[in-house]
Amino acid sequence: MRAVVQRVSRAQVSVAGEVVGRIGPGLCVLVGVTHADTPAVADRLAGKLFHLRILDDEAGVMNRSVADTGAEILVVSQFTLYGDTSGGRRPSWIAAARPEQAEPLVDRLVGELGALGARVATGRFRTEMAVELVNDGPVTVLLDLP
């Protein structure tokens, strides 16, 4: 699984003009799934996200996590994270898992985050989504789990 993690002061995702997920301060996570991903990978990613120390402490140092602060997480599935442009200018999506495989793994990630104690909002799978966010810092981290 691959995730682009952005520390945000707020974020939301809308489908057809309707807000389907919204958070205040926390993490906006765009998640891509590839063919080799398993439920165990989704569980590891959830733990990594929950404990990732990119939130500021009292001294303004990135030393706290969602686990420490109770910050929220917005998870948005994004197959385009596995776009491959090495063969030209038009991306190939071959490395991205099919929706039938990806959706249960994204659901597993969201469920595991909730089980860890995170307040999680989500986008809506297989829809055209509009994601709005205010990147705090800006802080953006790429996680790539085999």
N, C-alpha and C. Protein backbone atom coordinates (compact mmCIF):
# COMPACT_ATOMS: atom_id res chain seq x y z
N MET A 1 0.86 -1.17 0.00
CA MET A 1 0.00 0.00 0.00
C MET A 1 0.90 1.23 0.00
N ARG A 2 0.39 2.25 -0.60
CA ARG A 2 1.09 3.52 -0.69
C ARG A 2 0.17 4.60 -0.14
N ALA A 3 0.75 5.51 0.64
CA ALA A 3 -0.06 6.58 1.22
C ALA A 3 0.68 7.91 1.15
N VAL A 4 -0.03 8.93 0.73
CA VAL A 4 0.44 10.30 0.83
C VAL A 4 -0.26 10.88 2.04
N VAL A 5 0.54 11.25 3.05
CA VAL A 5 0.01 11.72 4.32
C VAL A 5 0.29 13.21 4.44
N GLN A 6 -0.76 13.98 4.63
CA GLN A 6 -0.61 15.42 4.79
C GLN A 6 -1.17 15.84 6.14
N ARG A 7 -0.35 16.58 6.87
CA ARG A 7 -0.83 17.16 8.13
C ARG A 7 -1.70 18.35 7.76
N VAL A 8 -2.93 18.37 8.29
CA VAL A 8 -3.88 19.40 7.89
C VAL A 8 -4.49 20.10 9.10
N SER A 9 -4.92 21.33 8.89
CA SER A 9 -5.70 22.02 9.91
C SER A 9 -7.19 21.69 9.73
N ARG A 10 -7.55 21.31 8.49
CA ARG A 10 -8.90 20.82 8.20
C ARG A 10 -8.88 20.21 6.81
N ALA A 11 -9.83 19.28 6.58
CA ALA A 11 -9.95 18.64 5.27
C ALA A 11 -11.36 18.09 5.12
N GLN A 12 -11.79 17.99 3.87
CA GLN A 12 -13.08 17.37 3.60
C GLN A 12 -13.07 16.78 2.21
N VAL A 13 -13.96 15.82 2.00
CA VAL A 13 -14.14 15.20 0.70
C VAL A 13 -15.62 15.25 0.37
N SER A 14 -15.91 15.63 -0.88
CA SER A 14 -17.29 15.74 -1.35
C SER A 14 -17.51 14.86 -2.56
N VAL A 15 -18.74 14.38 -2.70
CA VAL A 15 -19.17 13.62 -3.86
C VAL A 15 -20.44 14.29 -4.39
N ALA A 16 -20.42 14.71 -5.63
CA ALA A 16 -21.57 15.37 -6.25
C ALA A 16 -22.07 16.54 -5.41
N GLY A 17 -21.13 17.30 -4.85
CA GLY A 17 -21.48 18.48 -4.07
C GLY A 17 -21.87 18.22 -2.63
N GLU A 18 -21.95 16.96 -2.22
CA GLU A 18 -22.30 16.59 -0.85
C GLU A 18 -21.04 16.21 -0.08
N VAL A 19 -20.82 16.84 1.07
CA VAL A 19 -19.68 16.48 1.91
C VAL A 19 -19.95 15.11 2.53
N VAL A 20 -19.04 14.15 2.26
CA VAL A 20 -19.21 12.80 2.78
C VAL A 20 -18.21 12.48 3.90
N GLY A 21 -17.18 13.31 4.04
CA GLY A 21 -16.20 13.14 5.11
C GLY A 21 -15.54 14.46 5.42
N ARG A 22 -15.38 14.75 6.72
CA ARG A 22 -14.79 16.03 7.12
C ARG A 22 -14.04 15.84 8.43
N ILE A 23 -12.86 16.47 8.54
CA ILE A 23 -12.09 16.45 9.78
C ILE A 23 -11.58 17.85 10.10
N GLY A 24 -11.23 18.03 11.35
CA GLY A 24 -10.51 19.21 11.79
C GLY A 24 -9.02 18.90 11.74
N PRO A 25 -8.25 19.38 12.70
CA PRO A 25 -6.81 19.12 12.69
C PRO A 25 -6.50 17.63 12.72
N GLY A 26 -5.55 17.24 11.87
CA GLY A 26 -5.16 15.84 11.83
C GLY A 26 -4.42 15.50 10.57
N LEU A 27 -4.74 14.33 9.99
CA LEU A 27 -4.06 13.83 8.81
C LEU A 27 -5.05 13.55 7.69
N CYS A 28 -4.72 14.00 6.49
CA CYS A 28 -5.45 13.63 5.29
C CYS A 28 -4.57 12.59 4.60
N VAL A 29 -5.12 11.40 4.39
CA VAL A 29 -4.34 10.28 3.86
C VAL A 29 -4.95 9.80 2.55
N LEU A 30 -4.19 9.95 1.47
CA LEU A 30 -4.58 9.41 0.17
C LEU A 30 -3.94 8.03 0.09
N VAL A 31 -4.74 6.99 -0.19
CA VAL A 31 -4.27 5.61 -0.12
C VAL A 31 -4.43 4.90 -1.45
N GLY A 32 -3.34 4.28 -1.90
CA GLY A 32 -3.37 3.44 -3.09
C GLY A 32 -3.08 2.00 -2.72
N VAL A 33 -3.71 1.08 -3.45
CA VAL A 33 -3.54 -0.35 -3.21
C VAL A 33 -2.99 -0.99 -4.48
N THR A 34 -2.01 -1.89 -4.30
CA THR A 34 -1.46 -2.64 -5.42
C THR A 34 -1.79 -4.12 -5.25
N HIS A 35 -1.47 -4.93 -6.26
CA HIS A 35 -1.89 -6.33 -6.31
C HIS A 35 -1.36 -7.18 -5.17
N ALA A 36 -0.18 -6.91 -4.68
CA ALA A 36 0.45 -7.75 -3.64
C ALA A 36 -0.04 -7.41 -2.23
N ASP A 37 -0.85 -6.38 -2.08
CA ASP A 37 -1.28 -5.97 -0.75
C ASP A 37 -2.24 -6.98 -0.12
N THR A 38 -2.15 -7.07 1.19
CA THR A 38 -2.94 -8.04 1.97
C THR A 38 -3.54 -7.33 3.18
N PRO A 39 -4.44 -8.00 3.89
CA PRO A 39 -4.96 -7.42 5.13
C PRO A 39 -3.84 -7.10 6.14
N ALA A 40 -2.80 -7.90 6.18
CA ALA A 40 -1.68 -7.63 7.09
C ALA A 40 -0.99 -6.31 6.75
N VAL A 41 -0.88 -6.00 5.46
CA VAL A 41 -0.28 -4.73 5.04
C VAL A 41 -1.18 -3.57 5.47
N ALA A 42 -2.48 -3.72 5.30
CA ALA A 42 -3.44 -2.68 5.73
C ALA A 42 -3.32 -2.45 7.24
N ASP A 43 -3.18 -3.52 8.01
CA ASP A 43 -3.04 -3.39 9.46
C ASP A 43 -1.75 -2.66 9.82
N ARG A 44 -0.65 -2.99 9.13
CA ARG A 44 0.63 -2.31 9.41
C ARG A 44 0.55 -0.83 9.07
N LEU A 45 -0.11 -0.51 7.96
CA LEU A 45 -0.25 0.89 7.57
C LEU A 45 -1.08 1.64 8.61
N ALA A 46 -2.13 1.02 9.11
CA ALA A 46 -2.94 1.66 10.15
C ALA A 46 -2.09 1.99 11.37
N GLY A 47 -1.28 1.04 11.82
CA GLY A 47 -0.42 1.29 12.96
C GLY A 47 0.58 2.39 12.70
N LYS A 48 1.14 2.40 11.50
CA LYS A 48 2.10 3.44 11.13
C LYS A 48 1.43 4.81 11.14
N LEU A 49 0.25 4.92 10.55
CA LEU A 49 -0.46 6.20 10.52
C LEU A 49 -0.84 6.67 11.92
N PHE A 50 -1.33 5.76 12.73
CA PHE A 50 -1.79 6.11 14.08
C PHE A 50 -0.63 6.61 14.96
N HIS A 51 0.55 6.09 14.73
CA HIS A 51 1.70 6.42 15.58
C HIS A 51 2.73 7.33 14.90
N LEU A 52 2.46 7.77 13.67
CA LEU A 52 3.39 8.61 12.93
C LEU A 52 3.54 9.97 13.62
N ARG A 53 4.76 10.31 14.01
CA ARG A 53 5.01 11.51 14.81
C ARG A 53 5.30 12.72 13.92
N ILE A 54 4.23 13.28 13.34
CA ILE A 54 4.38 14.48 12.51
C ILE A 54 3.49 15.62 13.00
N LEU A 55 2.91 15.46 14.18
CA LEU A 55 2.10 16.53 14.78
C LEU A 55 2.95 17.26 15.81
N ASP A 56 2.74 18.56 15.92
CA ASP A 56 3.57 19.38 16.80
C ASP A 56 3.28 19.12 18.28
N ASP A 57 4.34 19.19 19.08
CA ASP A 57 4.19 19.19 20.53
C ASP A 57 4.11 20.63 21.01
N GLU A 58 4.17 20.83 22.31
CA GLU A 58 4.02 22.18 22.88
C GLU A 58 5.13 23.13 22.43
N ALA A 59 6.29 22.57 22.06
CA ALA A 59 7.43 23.39 21.63
C ALA A 59 7.44 23.60 20.12
N GLY A 60 6.42 23.10 19.43
CA GLY A 60 6.37 23.27 17.98
C GLY A 60 7.23 22.27 17.22
N VAL A 61 7.63 21.20 17.88
CA VAL A 61 8.46 20.16 17.27
C VAL A 61 7.57 19.00 16.85
N MET A 62 7.79 18.45 15.65
CA MET A 62 7.01 17.30 15.20
C MET A 62 7.40 16.08 16.03
N ASN A 63 6.66 15.88 17.12
CA ASN A 63 7.02 14.86 18.08
C ASN A 63 5.80 14.10 18.60
N ARG A 64 4.61 14.40 18.04
CA ARG A 64 3.38 13.77 18.53
C ARG A 64 2.65 13.09 17.38
N SER A 65 1.80 12.16 17.75
CA SER A 65 1.06 11.37 16.77
C SER A 65 -0.45 11.51 17.00
N VAL A 66 -1.22 10.90 16.13
CA VAL A 66 -2.66 10.83 16.34
C VAL A 66 -2.95 10.12 17.66
N ALA A 67 -2.18 9.08 17.95
CA ALA A 67 -2.36 8.34 19.21
C ALA A 67 -2.17 9.25 20.41
N ASP A 68 -1.25 10.21 20.31
CA ASP A 68 -0.95 11.12 21.42
C ASP A 68 -1.96 12.25 21.55
N THR A 69 -2.51 12.69 20.43
CA THR A 69 -3.28 13.94 20.42
C THR A 69 -4.78 13.76 20.23
N GLY A 70 -5.19 12.63 19.71
CA GLY A 70 -6.61 12.45 19.39
C GLY A 70 -7.01 13.15 18.11
N ALA A 71 -6.02 13.57 17.30
CA ALA A 71 -6.32 14.21 16.02
C ALA A 71 -7.10 13.24 15.13
N GLU A 72 -7.78 13.78 14.14
CA GLU A 72 -8.62 12.98 13.25
C GLU A 72 -7.85 12.58 11.99
N ILE A 73 -8.39 11.59 11.28
CA ILE A 73 -7.80 11.12 10.04
C ILE A 73 -8.88 11.04 8.96
N LEU A 74 -8.59 11.62 7.80
CA LEU A 74 -9.47 11.49 6.63
C LEU A 74 -8.76 10.56 5.65
N VAL A 75 -9.39 9.43 5.34
CA VAL A 75 -8.82 8.44 4.42
C VAL A 75 -9.57 8.51 3.10
N VAL A 76 -8.81 8.70 2.01
CA VAL A 76 -9.40 8.78 0.67
C VAL A 76 -8.66 7.81 -0.24
N SER A 77 -9.38 6.87 -0.81
CA SER A 77 -8.78 5.92 -1.74
C SER A 77 -8.39 6.64 -3.03
N GLN A 78 -7.18 6.33 -3.53
CA GLN A 78 -6.72 6.99 -4.74
C GLN A 78 -5.83 6.04 -5.55
N PHE A 79 -6.44 5.35 -6.50
CA PHE A 79 -5.70 4.37 -7.30
C PHE A 79 -4.59 5.01 -8.12
N THR A 80 -4.69 6.31 -8.41
CA THR A 80 -3.69 6.97 -9.24
C THR A 80 -2.32 7.06 -8.57
N LEU A 81 -2.23 6.72 -7.28
CA LEU A 81 -0.92 6.71 -6.63
C LEU A 81 -0.02 5.63 -7.22
N TYR A 82 -0.60 4.66 -7.91
CA TYR A 82 0.18 3.63 -8.58
C TYR A 82 0.28 3.86 -10.09
N GLY A 83 0.09 5.10 -10.51
CA GLY A 83 0.29 5.44 -11.92
C GLY A 83 1.76 5.35 -12.29
N ASP A 84 2.06 4.76 -13.42
CA ASP A 84 3.43 4.59 -13.89
C ASP A 84 3.62 5.38 -15.18
N THR A 85 4.51 6.34 -15.16
CA THR A 85 4.77 7.16 -16.35
C THR A 85 6.14 6.86 -16.97
N SER A 86 6.75 5.75 -16.59
CA SER A 86 8.09 5.43 -17.11
C SER A 86 8.08 5.12 -18.60
N GLY A 87 6.92 4.71 -19.13
CA GLY A 87 6.85 4.36 -20.54
C GLY A 87 6.40 5.49 -21.44
N GLY A 88 6.22 6.67 -20.92
CA GLY A 88 5.77 7.78 -21.74
C GLY A 88 5.05 8.82 -20.92
N ARG A 89 4.18 9.56 -21.58
CA ARG A 89 3.49 10.65 -20.89
C ARG A 89 2.10 10.28 -20.38
N ARG A 90 1.57 9.18 -20.84
CA ARG A 90 0.26 8.75 -20.37
C ARG A 90 0.46 7.67 -19.31
N PRO A 91 -0.04 7.89 -18.08
CA PRO A 91 0.18 6.90 -17.02
C PRO A 91 -0.47 5.56 -17.31
N SER A 92 0.21 4.51 -16.88
CA SER A 92 -0.35 3.17 -16.89
C SER A 92 -0.85 2.88 -15.49
N TRP A 93 -1.99 2.23 -15.39
CA TRP A 93 -2.58 1.92 -14.09
C TRP A 93 -2.46 0.44 -13.75
N ILE A 94 -1.60 -0.28 -14.46
CA ILE A 94 -1.47 -1.73 -14.28
C ILE A 94 -1.12 -2.11 -12.85
N ALA A 95 -0.31 -1.31 -12.16
CA ALA A 95 0.11 -1.65 -10.80
C ALA A 95 -0.98 -1.42 -9.76
N ALA A 96 -2.01 -0.67 -10.11
CA ALA A 96 -3.11 -0.42 -9.17
C ALA A 96 -4.02 -1.63 -9.10
N ALA A 97 -4.40 -2.00 -7.88
CA ALA A 97 -5.31 -3.12 -7.69
C ALA A 97 -6.69 -2.78 -8.24
N ARG A 98 -7.40 -3.77 -8.71
CA ARG A 98 -8.77 -3.59 -9.16
C ARG A 98 -9.64 -3.21 -7.96
N PRO A 99 -10.74 -2.52 -8.19
CA PRO A 99 -11.60 -2.10 -7.09
C PRO A 99 -12.06 -3.25 -6.19
N GLU A 100 -12.30 -4.40 -6.77
CA GLU A 100 -12.76 -5.55 -5.99
C GLU A 100 -11.74 -5.97 -4.94
N GLN A 101 -10.45 -5.77 -5.23
CA GLN A 101 -9.40 -6.08 -4.27
C GLN A 101 -9.12 -4.89 -3.37
N ALA A 102 -9.12 -3.70 -3.94
CA ALA A 102 -8.71 -2.50 -3.20
C ALA A 102 -9.72 -2.08 -2.14
N GLU A 103 -10.99 -2.11 -2.46
CA GLU A 103 -12.00 -1.61 -1.53
C GLU A 103 -11.99 -2.32 -0.18
N PRO A 104 -11.94 -3.67 -0.14
CA PRO A 104 -11.90 -4.32 1.17
C PRO A 104 -10.64 -3.98 1.96
N LEU A 105 -9.53 -3.73 1.27
CA LEU A 105 -8.30 -3.40 1.99
C LEU A 105 -8.34 -1.97 2.55
N VAL A 106 -8.94 -1.05 1.81
CA VAL A 106 -9.11 0.30 2.34
C VAL A 106 -10.09 0.27 3.52
N ASP A 107 -11.16 -0.52 3.38
CA ASP A 107 -12.09 -0.68 4.50
C ASP A 107 -11.39 -1.28 5.72
N ARG A 108 -10.51 -2.23 5.49
CA ARG A 108 -9.74 -2.85 6.58
C ARG A 108 -8.86 -1.80 7.26
N LEU A 109 -8.19 -0.97 6.47
CA LEU A 109 -7.35 0.11 7.01
C LEU A 109 -8.19 1.03 7.90
N VAL A 110 -9.34 1.45 7.40
CA VAL A 110 -10.22 2.35 8.16
C VAL A 110 -10.70 1.67 9.44
N GLY A 111 -11.08 0.41 9.35
CA GLY A 111 -11.53 -0.33 10.52
C GLY A 111 -10.44 -0.48 11.57
N GLU A 112 -9.23 -0.76 11.12
CA GLU A 112 -8.11 -0.92 12.05
C GLU A 112 -7.76 0.41 12.71
N LEU A 113 -7.81 1.51 11.96
CA LEU A 113 -7.58 2.83 12.56
C LEU A 113 -8.61 3.09 13.66
N GLY A 114 -9.87 2.78 13.37
CA GLY A 114 -10.92 2.94 14.37
C GLY A 114 -10.68 2.07 15.59
N ALA A 115 -10.25 0.84 15.37
CA ALA A 115 -9.98 -0.08 16.48
C ALA A 115 -8.84 0.42 17.35
N LEU A 116 -7.89 1.13 16.74
CA LEU A 116 -6.78 1.71 17.50
C LEU A 116 -7.22 2.93 18.31
N GLY A 117 -8.38 3.49 17.95
CA GLY A 117 -8.89 4.63 18.70
C GLY A 117 -8.95 5.92 17.91
N ALA A 118 -8.64 5.86 16.61
CA ALA A 118 -8.66 7.07 15.79
C ALA A 118 -10.10 7.42 15.39
N ARG A 119 -10.37 8.71 15.31
CA ARG A 119 -11.62 9.19 14.72
C ARG A 119 -11.35 9.34 13.23
N VAL A 120 -12.07 8.56 12.41
CA VAL A 120 -11.77 8.46 10.99
C VAL A 120 -12.97 8.88 10.15
N ALA A 121 -12.71 9.70 9.14
CA ALA A 121 -13.71 10.03 8.12
C ALA A 121 -13.16 9.47 6.80
N THR A 122 -14.05 9.24 5.84
CA THR A 122 -13.63 8.65 4.58
C THR A 122 -14.28 9.33 3.40
N GLY A 123 -13.70 9.03 2.25
CA GLY A 123 -14.33 9.37 0.99
C GLY A 123 -15.31 8.26 0.64
N ARG A 124 -15.73 8.22 -0.61
CA ARG A 124 -16.66 7.19 -1.06
C ARG A 124 -16.03 6.47 -2.25
N PHE A 125 -15.82 5.18 -2.11
CA PHE A 125 -15.14 4.38 -3.11
C PHE A 125 -15.90 4.40 -4.44
N ARG A 126 -15.16 4.35 -5.53
CA ARG A 126 -15.69 4.29 -6.90
C ARG A 126 -16.55 5.50 -7.28
N THR A 127 -16.22 6.65 -6.74
CA THR A 127 -16.92 7.88 -7.12
C THR A 127 -15.89 8.94 -7.48
N GLU A 128 -16.36 9.96 -8.15
CA GLU A 128 -15.54 11.13 -8.45
C GLU A 128 -15.60 12.01 -7.20
N MET A 129 -14.46 12.19 -6.55
CA MET A 129 -14.42 12.93 -5.28
C MET A 129 -13.68 14.25 -5.44
N ALA A 130 -14.09 15.24 -4.68
CA ALA A 130 -13.39 16.51 -4.59
C ALA A 130 -12.82 16.61 -3.17
N VAL A 131 -11.50 16.67 -3.07
CA VAL A 131 -10.85 16.73 -1.77
C VAL A 131 -10.35 18.15 -1.56
N GLU A 132 -10.74 18.74 -0.43
CA GLU A 132 -10.27 20.07 -0.06
C GLU A 132 -9.53 19.95 1.26
N LEU A 133 -8.38 20.62 1.34
CA LEU A 133 -7.62 20.56 2.58
C LEU A 133 -6.76 21.80 2.73
N VAL A 134 -6.42 22.06 3.99
CA VAL A 134 -5.45 23.10 4.30
C VAL A 134 -4.26 22.38 4.91
N ASN A 135 -3.18 22.29 4.13
CA ASN A 135 -1.98 21.60 4.57
C ASN A 135 -1.31 22.45 5.63
N ASP A 136 -1.06 21.85 6.78
CA ASP A 136 -0.49 22.54 7.93
C ASP A 136 1.01 22.34 7.95
N GLY A 137 1.75 23.38 7.71
CA GLY A 137 3.21 23.30 7.76
C GLY A 137 3.88 23.98 6.58
N PRO A 138 3.80 23.49 5.39
CA PRO A 138 3.18 22.24 4.97
C PRO A 138 4.02 21.02 5.37
N VAL A 139 3.32 19.97 5.74
CA VAL A 139 3.96 18.69 6.07
C VAL A 139 3.30 17.62 5.22
N THR A 140 4.09 16.95 4.39
CA THR A 140 3.61 15.87 3.54
C THR A 140 4.64 14.75 3.58
N VAL A 141 4.17 13.51 3.83
CA VAL A 141 5.04 12.36 3.94
C VAL A 141 4.51 11.25 3.04
N LEU A 142 5.40 10.55 2.36
CA LEU A 142 5.03 9.41 1.53
C LEU A 142 5.38 8.13 2.28
N LEU A 143 4.40 7.25 2.43
CA LEU A 143 4.61 5.94 3.05
C LEU A 143 4.39 4.88 1.97
N ASP A 144 5.33 3.97 1.85
CA ASP A 144 5.24 2.89 0.86
C ASP A 144 5.49 1.60 1.59
N LEU A 145 4.46 0.81 1.84
CA LEU A 145 4.60 -0.44 2.57
C LEU A 145 4.54 -1.63 1.62
N PRO A 146 5.55 -2.49 1.68
CA PRO A 146 5.54 -3.68 0.83
C PRO A 146 4.59 -4.74 1.39
